[in-house]
C-alpha cells in the first residue's frame, strides 16, 4: 500500500503537466481531458513504478489520473478561472 501511494505522489505532477501541455496545443477538447489523464497515469505507472504488481500499477495509474484531473479542475474553480 505504501508503494502505491508513493507511486501516485510521483505520477500526479507529471500527469497534470502532460495533460495541460496537450490541452494548450488546442487539439484536446475539454471533454476528453479525464480520459487522457487516466491513460497517462496508467502509462506513467508502468514506466515509473515497475516494481509493483501490474494490477497495482493499473490502480495507481487510474487513481493518479483521476486525482490529477480533479486536482487541476478543483484548483481552477477555487482560483475563479
N, C-alpha and C. Protein backbone atom coordinates (compact mmCIF):
# COMPACT_ATOMS: atom_id res chain seq x y z
N UNK A 1 0.82 -1.20 0.00
CA UNK A 1 0.00 0.00 0.00
C UNK A 1 0.86 1.25 0.00
N UNK A 2 1.94 1.23 0.76
CA UNK A 2 2.82 2.39 0.84
C UNK A 2 3.47 2.67 -0.52
N UNK A 3 3.87 1.61 -1.24
CA UNK A 3 4.47 1.78 -2.56
C UNK A 3 3.47 2.37 -3.54
N UNK A 4 2.22 1.99 -3.40
CA UNK A 4 1.16 2.51 -4.26
C UNK A 4 1.00 4.01 -4.09
N UNK A 5 0.99 4.47 -2.86
CA UNK A 5 0.86 5.91 -2.59
C UNK A 5 2.10 6.68 -3.03
N UNK A 6 3.26 6.08 -2.86
CA UNK A 6 4.48 6.74 -3.32
C UNK A 6 4.49 6.88 -4.84
N UNK A 7 4.05 5.85 -5.53
CA UNK A 7 3.97 5.91 -6.99
C UNK A 7 3.00 7.00 -7.42
N UNK A 8 1.86 7.07 -6.76
CA UNK A 8 0.88 8.10 -7.11
C UNK A 8 1.43 9.50 -6.88
N UNK A 9 2.15 9.69 -5.78
CA UNK A 9 2.71 11.00 -5.47
C UNK A 9 3.71 11.44 -6.54
N UNK A 10 4.38 10.50 -7.14
CA UNK A 10 5.33 10.83 -8.20
C UNK A 10 4.61 11.06 -9.53
N UNK A 11 3.58 10.29 -9.80
CA UNK A 11 2.92 10.32 -11.10
C UNK A 11 2.02 11.54 -11.28
N UNK A 12 1.31 11.96 -10.25
CA UNK A 12 0.31 13.02 -10.37
C UNK A 12 0.88 14.31 -10.98
N UNK A 13 2.01 14.84 -10.52
CA UNK A 13 2.51 16.08 -11.15
C UNK A 13 2.83 15.92 -12.63
N UNK A 14 3.36 14.76 -13.00
CA UNK A 14 3.64 14.52 -14.41
C UNK A 14 2.36 14.48 -15.24
N UNK A 15 1.33 13.84 -14.71
CA UNK A 15 0.06 13.76 -15.43
C UNK A 15 -0.54 15.16 -15.58
N UNK A 16 -0.49 15.96 -14.54
CA UNK A 16 -1.01 17.34 -14.63
C UNK A 16 -0.27 18.10 -15.72
N UNK A 17 1.04 18.05 -15.69
CA UNK A 17 1.83 18.79 -16.67
C UNK A 17 1.61 18.32 -18.10
N UNK A 18 1.63 17.02 -18.31
CA UNK A 18 1.45 16.50 -19.67
C UNK A 18 0.04 16.75 -20.20
N UNK A 19 -0.95 16.64 -19.33
CA UNK A 19 -2.32 16.91 -19.76
C UNK A 19 -2.49 18.39 -20.10
N UNK A 20 -1.91 19.26 -19.30
CA UNK A 20 -2.00 20.69 -19.58
C UNK A 20 -1.29 21.03 -20.89
N UNK A 21 -0.15 20.39 -21.15
CA UNK A 21 0.54 20.62 -22.42
C UNK A 21 -0.33 20.18 -23.59
N UNK A 22 -1.00 19.05 -23.44
CA UNK A 22 -1.87 18.57 -24.51
C UNK A 22 -3.05 19.51 -24.71
N UNK A 23 -3.59 20.06 -23.63
CA UNK A 23 -4.72 20.99 -23.76
C UNK A 23 -4.29 22.28 -24.44
N UNK A 24 -3.10 22.76 -24.15
CA UNK A 24 -2.64 24.04 -24.71
C UNK A 24 -2.32 23.96 -26.19
N UNK A 25 -2.17 22.76 -26.72
CA UNK A 25 -1.97 22.64 -28.16
C UNK A 25 -3.26 22.96 -28.91
N UNK A 26 -4.38 22.90 -28.21
CA UNK A 26 -5.67 23.20 -28.83
C UNK A 26 -6.30 22.01 -29.52
N UNK A 27 -5.65 20.88 -29.47
CA UNK A 27 -6.17 19.70 -30.16
C UNK A 27 -6.87 18.72 -29.24
N UNK A 28 -6.94 19.06 -27.95
CA UNK A 28 -7.58 18.17 -26.97
C UNK A 28 -8.82 18.86 -26.41
N UNK A 29 -10.02 18.42 -26.84
CA UNK A 29 -11.23 19.00 -26.27
C UNK A 29 -11.34 18.72 -24.77
N UNK A 30 -11.97 19.63 -24.05
CA UNK A 30 -12.07 19.51 -22.60
C UNK A 30 -12.76 18.23 -22.15
N UNK A 31 -13.68 17.71 -22.95
CA UNK A 31 -14.42 16.52 -22.52
C UNK A 31 -13.55 15.27 -22.50
N UNK A 32 -12.40 15.30 -23.19
CA UNK A 32 -11.51 14.14 -23.22
C UNK A 32 -10.39 14.21 -22.19
N UNK A 33 -10.28 15.33 -21.48
CA UNK A 33 -9.19 15.52 -20.53
C UNK A 33 -9.14 14.43 -19.46
N UNK A 34 -10.26 14.05 -18.82
CA UNK A 34 -10.17 12.98 -17.81
C UNK A 34 -9.69 11.65 -18.37
N UNK A 35 -10.10 11.32 -19.59
CA UNK A 35 -9.68 10.06 -20.21
C UNK A 35 -8.18 10.08 -20.51
N UNK A 36 -7.71 11.22 -21.01
CA UNK A 36 -6.28 11.36 -21.30
C UNK A 36 -5.48 11.31 -20.00
N UNK A 37 -6.00 11.93 -18.94
CA UNK A 37 -5.31 11.91 -17.65
C UNK A 37 -5.18 10.48 -17.12
N UNK A 38 -6.23 9.71 -17.21
CA UNK A 38 -6.17 8.33 -16.73
C UNK A 38 -5.22 7.50 -17.60
N UNK A 39 -5.28 7.68 -18.91
CA UNK A 39 -4.38 6.94 -19.80
C UNK A 39 -2.92 7.29 -19.52
N UNK A 40 -2.64 8.58 -19.33
CA UNK A 40 -1.28 8.99 -18.99
C UNK A 40 -0.86 8.43 -17.64
N UNK A 41 -1.78 8.43 -16.69
CA UNK A 41 -1.48 7.90 -15.37
C UNK A 41 -1.10 6.43 -15.41
N UNK A 42 -1.85 5.65 -16.16
CA UNK A 42 -1.56 4.22 -16.27
C UNK A 42 -0.23 4.01 -16.99
N UNK A 43 0.00 4.75 -18.08
CA UNK A 43 1.25 4.60 -18.82
C UNK A 43 2.45 4.97 -17.95
N UNK A 44 2.33 6.08 -17.24
CA UNK A 44 3.44 6.50 -16.37
C UNK A 44 3.64 5.55 -15.19
N UNK A 45 2.57 4.95 -14.72
CA UNK A 45 2.71 3.98 -13.62
C UNK A 45 3.55 2.80 -14.06
N UNK A 46 3.38 2.36 -15.29
CA UNK A 46 4.19 1.24 -15.79
C UNK A 46 5.64 1.66 -15.99
N UNK A 47 5.86 2.92 -16.33
CA UNK A 47 7.23 3.39 -16.56
C UNK A 47 7.95 3.75 -15.26
N UNK A 48 7.24 4.38 -14.33
CA UNK A 48 7.87 4.91 -13.12
C UNK A 48 7.93 3.87 -12.00
N UNK A 49 6.92 3.03 -11.90
CA UNK A 49 6.85 2.09 -10.77
C UNK A 49 6.82 0.64 -11.26
N UNK A 50 7.87 0.19 -11.93
CA UNK A 50 7.83 -1.18 -12.46
C UNK A 50 7.96 -2.27 -11.40
N UNK A 51 8.27 -1.91 -10.16
CA UNK A 51 8.42 -2.92 -9.11
C UNK A 51 7.07 -3.40 -8.58
N UNK A 52 6.01 -2.66 -8.86
CA UNK A 52 4.69 -3.06 -8.38
C UNK A 52 4.12 -4.18 -9.25
N UNK A 53 3.17 -4.90 -8.71
CA UNK A 53 2.43 -5.90 -9.48
C UNK A 53 1.60 -5.14 -10.51
N UNK A 54 1.40 -5.70 -11.69
CA UNK A 54 0.75 -4.96 -12.76
C UNK A 54 -0.62 -4.44 -12.36
N UNK A 55 -1.37 -5.18 -11.55
CA UNK A 55 -2.69 -4.69 -11.11
C UNK A 55 -2.54 -3.45 -10.24
N UNK A 56 -1.51 -3.44 -9.40
CA UNK A 56 -1.26 -2.26 -8.58
C UNK A 56 -0.85 -1.07 -9.43
N UNK A 57 -0.10 -1.32 -10.49
CA UNK A 57 0.30 -0.24 -11.39
C UNK A 57 -0.92 0.36 -12.09
N UNK A 58 -1.84 -0.50 -12.52
CA UNK A 58 -3.06 -0.01 -13.17
C UNK A 58 -3.89 0.80 -12.18
N UNK A 59 -4.04 0.30 -10.97
CA UNK A 59 -4.81 1.02 -9.96
C UNK A 59 -4.14 2.35 -9.62
N UNK A 60 -2.82 2.34 -9.45
CA UNK A 60 -2.10 3.58 -9.15
C UNK A 60 -2.24 4.57 -10.29
N UNK A 61 -2.18 4.09 -11.52
CA UNK A 61 -2.32 4.97 -12.68
C UNK A 61 -3.70 5.57 -12.79
N UNK A 62 -4.72 4.76 -12.56
CA UNK A 62 -6.10 5.28 -12.61
C UNK A 62 -6.32 6.29 -11.50
N UNK A 63 -5.88 5.96 -10.30
CA UNK A 63 -6.05 6.88 -9.18
C UNK A 63 -5.26 8.17 -9.41
N UNK A 64 -4.05 8.06 -9.95
CA UNK A 64 -3.25 9.25 -10.21
C UNK A 64 -3.89 10.11 -11.30
N UNK A 65 -4.39 9.49 -12.35
CA UNK A 65 -5.04 10.23 -13.42
C UNK A 65 -6.29 10.95 -12.95
N UNK A 66 -7.10 10.26 -12.18
CA UNK A 66 -8.31 10.90 -11.65
C UNK A 66 -7.97 11.98 -10.64
N UNK A 67 -6.95 11.74 -9.84
CA UNK A 67 -6.53 12.75 -8.87
C UNK A 67 -6.00 13.98 -9.59
N UNK A 68 -5.21 13.78 -10.60
CA UNK A 68 -4.65 14.91 -11.35
C UNK A 68 -5.75 15.71 -12.02
N UNK A 69 -6.71 15.03 -12.59
CA UNK A 69 -7.82 15.71 -13.26
C UNK A 69 -8.66 16.49 -12.26
N UNK A 70 -8.97 15.88 -11.14
CA UNK A 70 -9.76 16.56 -10.12
C UNK A 70 -9.00 17.67 -9.44
N UNK A 71 -7.73 17.47 -9.21
CA UNK A 71 -6.90 18.49 -8.57
C UNK A 71 -6.81 19.72 -9.44
N UNK A 72 -6.62 19.53 -10.73
CA UNK A 72 -6.49 20.66 -11.64
C UNK A 72 -7.80 21.41 -11.77
N UNK A 73 -8.90 20.71 -11.96
CA UNK A 73 -10.19 21.39 -12.12
C UNK A 73 -10.62 22.04 -10.81
N UNK A 74 -10.33 21.41 -9.69
CA UNK A 74 -10.66 22.00 -8.40
C UNK A 74 -9.87 23.25 -8.13
N UNK A 75 -8.61 23.26 -8.49
CA UNK A 75 -7.76 24.43 -8.30
C UNK A 75 -8.24 25.58 -9.19
N UNK A 76 -8.62 25.25 -10.43
CA UNK A 76 -9.13 26.29 -11.32
C UNK A 76 -10.43 26.87 -10.79
N UNK A 77 -11.29 26.04 -10.21
CA UNK A 77 -12.57 26.51 -9.68
C UNK A 77 -12.36 27.44 -8.49
N UNK A 78 -11.42 27.10 -7.64
CA UNK A 78 -11.13 27.93 -6.46
C UNK A 78 -10.50 29.25 -6.89
N UNK A 79 -9.63 29.19 -7.91
CA UNK A 79 -8.96 30.40 -8.39
C UNK A 79 -9.90 31.32 -9.15
N UNK A 80 -11.04 30.78 -9.57
CA UNK A 80 -12.03 31.58 -10.27
C UNK A 80 -11.77 31.76 -11.74
N UNK A 81 -11.08 30.86 -12.35
CA UNK A 81 -10.80 30.96 -13.81
C UNK A 81 -11.82 30.20 -14.58
